[in-house]
Amino acid sequence: MKPNRGQTHFAGVTVSGSLAETVRGCRRWMHERYGCKSGHLTPPHVTLIPPFDIGEEKDCRKLEEALSDFASKAEAFTALVEGFGSFGDRTLFAQVTDNPAWTRWRDALAAAIRSKLPELQLSTRTPFVPHVTVSNRDIPIRAIPEALKHFQGLNVRESIPVNHVVLFERVGSLWEIRNGWYCE
């Protein structure tokens, strides 16, 4: 039995360009205004498979094979990010508009991972609500309404390509990109 090291990896889709810059600007605003730091060091992204414990390096290689297999078969699509939202008072995010392709992607990715690592405990919560986190966990009480009002003034509406999957790995207290694969 392997020791539980906590959450070591997760899979997602990174966002880039002006949307990534907008999210970073929102993170700076949350830090300057409220002292928020949680989630700010991870590159802007949409999480497909939330953090889990992968265990040994040989299992990481199997995980990378699964992500590579997934990307070789996945059909890219374009998603829309429009405005901001929150999950209660714990998470503030740029809102990804509803698109059934996200759930298909997440489910196909989970199936690819389970085919290589059937014992791995993955969360595939339903309904799947893709989003780009601005801040989470350390948001002060009653800060969300003011932040949402401020961010709505940014008039965010951007299309993003969903054409790759990235494996994030915890290195110390940071989440870093371990590897990534583009759809063929």
Protein backbone atom coordinates (compact mmCIF):
# COMPACT_ATOMS: atom_id res chain seq x y z
CA MET A 1 0.00 0.00 0.00
CA LYS A 2 1.41 3.36 -0.99
CA PRO A 3 1.51 6.24 1.49
CA ASN A 4 -1.03 9.02 1.02
CA ARG A 5 0.93 12.11 -0.01
CA GLY A 6 -2.11 14.26 -0.55
CA GLN A 7 -3.16 15.74 -3.84
CA THR A 8 -0.27 15.55 -6.30
CA HIS A 9 -1.73 16.04 -9.80
CA PHE A 10 -4.70 17.37 -11.75
CA ALA A 11 -5.63 17.76 -15.41
CA GLY A 12 -6.99 20.80 -17.19
CA VAL A 13 -7.00 23.11 -20.17
CA THR A 14 -4.88 26.25 -19.89
CA VAL A 15 -6.12 29.59 -21.18
CA SER A 16 -3.77 32.10 -22.75
CA GLY A 17 -3.63 35.50 -24.39
CA SER A 18 -5.82 38.35 -23.28
CA LEU A 19 -8.10 36.11 -21.20
CA ALA A 20 -5.14 34.85 -19.16
CA GLU A 21 -3.98 38.44 -18.67
CA THR A 22 -7.47 39.49 -17.57
CA VAL A 23 -7.61 36.65 -15.03
CA ARG A 24 -4.15 37.56 -13.72
CA GLY A 25 -5.31 41.19 -13.40
CA CYS A 26 -8.38 40.06 -11.46
CA ARG A 27 -6.16 37.96 -9.19
CA ARG A 28 -3.94 41.02 -8.55
CA TRP A 29 -7.02 43.10 -7.73
CA MET A 30 -8.27 40.43 -5.28
CA HIS A 31 -4.83 40.32 -3.66
CA GLU A 32 -4.47 44.10 -3.38
CA ARG A 33 -8.05 44.64 -2.22
CA TYR A 34 -8.59 41.61 0.05
CA GLY A 35 -5.22 39.93 0.51
CA CYS A 36 -6.32 36.83 -1.43
CA LYS A 37 -3.57 34.47 -2.53
CA SER A 38 -5.20 31.06 -2.94
CA GLY A 39 -5.07 29.79 -6.51
CA HIS A 40 -3.11 32.78 -7.78
CA LEU A 41 0.12 30.94 -8.59
CA THR A 42 -1.45 28.33 -10.87
CA PRO A 43 -1.62 29.34 -14.54
CA PRO A 44 -5.17 30.33 -15.58
CA HIS A 45 -6.98 27.15 -16.60
CA VAL A 46 -10.19 25.14 -16.63
CA THR A 47 -9.89 22.07 -14.40
CA LEU A 48 -11.10 18.86 -16.04
CA ILE A 49 -10.08 16.37 -13.35
CA PRO A 50 -9.66 17.89 -9.85
CA PRO A 51 -6.52 17.18 -7.80
CA PHE A 52 -5.80 13.58 -6.86
CA ASP A 53 -2.91 11.50 -5.50
CA ILE A 54 -1.08 9.62 -8.24
CA GLY A 55 1.49 7.91 -6.05
CA GLU A 56 4.59 6.52 -7.73
CA GLU A 57 6.54 7.78 -10.75
CA LYS A 58 5.67 4.65 -12.76
CA ASP A 59 2.02 5.59 -12.27
CA CYS A 60 2.79 9.12 -13.50
CA ARG A 61 4.10 7.61 -16.72
CA LYS A 62 0.87 5.61 -17.09
CA LEU A 63 -1.08 8.81 -16.43
CA GLU A 64 0.89 10.63 -19.13
CA GLU A 65 0.20 7.77 -21.55
CA ALA A 66 -3.52 8.10 -20.78
CA LEU A 67 -3.47 11.86 -21.42
CA SER A 68 -1.54 11.35 -24.64
CA ASP A 69 -4.04 8.68 -25.78
CA PHE A 70 -6.93 11.00 -24.92
CA ALA A 71 -5.44 13.93 -26.86
CA SER A 72 -4.81 11.75 -29.90
CA LYS A 73 -8.55 10.99 -30.12
CA ALA A 74 -10.18 14.11 -28.66
CA GLU A 75 -12.08 16.45 -30.92
CA ALA A 76 -11.12 20.08 -30.33
CA PHE A 77 -13.84 22.68 -29.88
CA THR A 78 -14.18 26.37 -29.12
CA ALA A 79 -15.59 27.53 -25.80
CA LEU A 80 -16.85 30.91 -24.68
CA VAL A 81 -15.88 32.66 -21.46
CA GLU A 82 -18.34 35.41 -20.59
CA GLY A 83 -18.56 37.39 -17.38
CA PHE A 84 -17.88 36.21 -13.86
CA GLY A 85 -19.59 34.10 -11.26
CA SER A 86 -19.03 32.42 -7.92
CA PHE A 87 -19.63 29.24 -6.02
CA GLY A 88 -21.08 30.72 -2.85
CA ASP A 89 -18.48 32.68 -0.94
CA ARG A 90 -15.55 30.31 -1.58
CA THR A 91 -14.69 30.59 -5.28
CA LEU A 92 -14.75 33.51 -7.72
CA PHE A 93 -14.28 32.73 -11.41
CA ALA A 94 -14.47 33.80 -15.04
CA GLN A 95 -17.59 32.03 -16.28
CA VAL A 96 -17.36 29.46 -19.04
CA THR A 97 -20.69 29.28 -20.88
CA ASP A 98 -22.54 25.98 -20.87
CA ASN A 99 -21.42 23.63 -23.64
CA PRO A 100 -22.01 19.84 -23.55
CA ALA A 101 -18.62 19.34 -25.23
CA TRP A 102 -16.94 20.11 -21.88
CA THR A 103 -18.65 17.19 -20.14
CA ARG A 104 -17.85 14.87 -23.03
CA TRP A 105 -14.20 15.92 -22.83
CA ARG A 106 -14.03 15.49 -19.06
CA ASP A 107 -15.74 12.07 -19.19
CA ALA A 108 -13.55 10.83 -22.05
CA LEU A 109 -10.44 12.01 -20.20
CA ALA A 110 -11.52 10.25 -16.99
CA ALA A 111 -12.21 7.05 -18.96
CA ALA A 112 -8.75 7.23 -20.59
CA ILE A 113 -7.11 7.66 -17.17
CA ARG A 114 -9.14 4.83 -15.62
CA SER A 115 -8.17 2.52 -18.49
CA LYS A 116 -4.50 2.88 -17.48
CA LEU A 117 -4.97 3.36 -13.72
CA PRO A 118 -8.26 1.69 -12.70
CA GLU A 119 -7.50 1.99 -8.97
CA LEU A 120 -7.04 5.76 -9.12
CA GLN A 121 -9.64 7.78 -7.22
CA LEU A 122 -10.92 10.50 -9.57
CA SER A 123 -13.66 13.03 -8.91
CA THR A 124 -16.09 13.43 -11.79
CA ARG A 125 -18.72 15.52 -10.07
CA THR A 126 -21.99 16.07 -11.88
CA PRO A 127 -22.97 18.51 -13.14
CA PHE A 128 -19.58 19.54 -14.43
CA VAL A 129 -19.23 23.34 -14.23
CA PRO A 130 -16.12 24.45 -16.13
CA HIS A 131 -14.71 27.79 -14.96
CA VAL A 132 -11.45 29.77 -14.75
CA THR A 133 -10.70 30.41 -11.09
CA VAL A 134 -9.79 33.93 -10.05
CA SER A 135 -9.65 33.35 -6.26
CA ASN A 136 -10.77 30.66 -3.86
CA ARG A 137 -10.72 29.54 -0.23
CA ASP A 138 -9.26 32.73 1.31
CA ILE A 139 -11.89 35.23 0.13
CA PRO A 140 -13.16 37.38 3.01
CA ILE A 141 -16.84 37.18 3.93
CA ARG A 142 -19.00 39.57 1.86
CA ALA A 143 -16.21 40.30 -0.68
CA ILE A 144 -17.84 38.36 -3.54
CA PRO A 145 -20.62 40.86 -4.39
CA GLU A 146 -18.20 43.78 -4.61
CA ALA A 147 -15.71 41.75 -6.65
CA LEU A 148 -18.42 40.55 -9.06
CA LYS A 149 -19.65 44.10 -9.57
CA HIS A 150 -16.09 45.27 -10.27
CA PHE A 151 -15.29 42.39 -12.65
CA GLN A 152 -18.56 42.70 -14.59
CA GLY A 153 -17.31 46.13 -15.66
CA LEU A 154 -14.51 44.38 -17.54
CA ASN A 155 -17.05 43.06 -20.08
CA VAL A 156 -15.20 39.76 -20.55
CA ARG A 157 -16.38 37.80 -23.58
CA GLU A 158 -13.72 35.66 -25.23
CA SER A 159 -13.59 32.48 -27.23
CA ILE A 160 -10.96 29.98 -26.20
CA PRO A 161 -9.66 26.94 -28.07
CA VAL A 162 -10.15 23.67 -26.22
CA ASN A 163 -7.52 21.75 -28.12
CA HIS A 164 -5.11 20.45 -25.49
CA VAL A 165 -4.88 18.87 -22.07
CA VAL A 166 -2.28 19.72 -19.44
CA LEU A 167 -1.05 17.68 -16.49
CA PHE A 168 -0.33 19.80 -13.43
CA GLU A 169 1.92 18.48 -10.67
CA ARG A 170 2.38 19.78 -7.13
CA VAL A 171 5.97 20.84 -6.56
CA GLY A 172 6.30 21.96 -2.97
CA SER A 173 3.37 24.31 -2.42
CA LEU A 174 3.00 25.21 -6.13
CA TRP A 175 1.13 23.62 -9.03
CA GLU A 176 3.38 23.47 -12.08
CA ILE A 177 2.76 22.17 -15.58
CA ARG A 178 4.38 18.74 -15.87
CA ASN A 179 3.40 18.09 -19.47
CA GLY A 180 0.79 18.87 -22.10
CA TRP A 181 -0.69 17.33 -25.24
CA TYR A 182 -2.45 18.90 -28.21
CA CYS A 183 -5.26 17.21 -30.09
CA GLU A 184 -4.14 15.69 -33.37
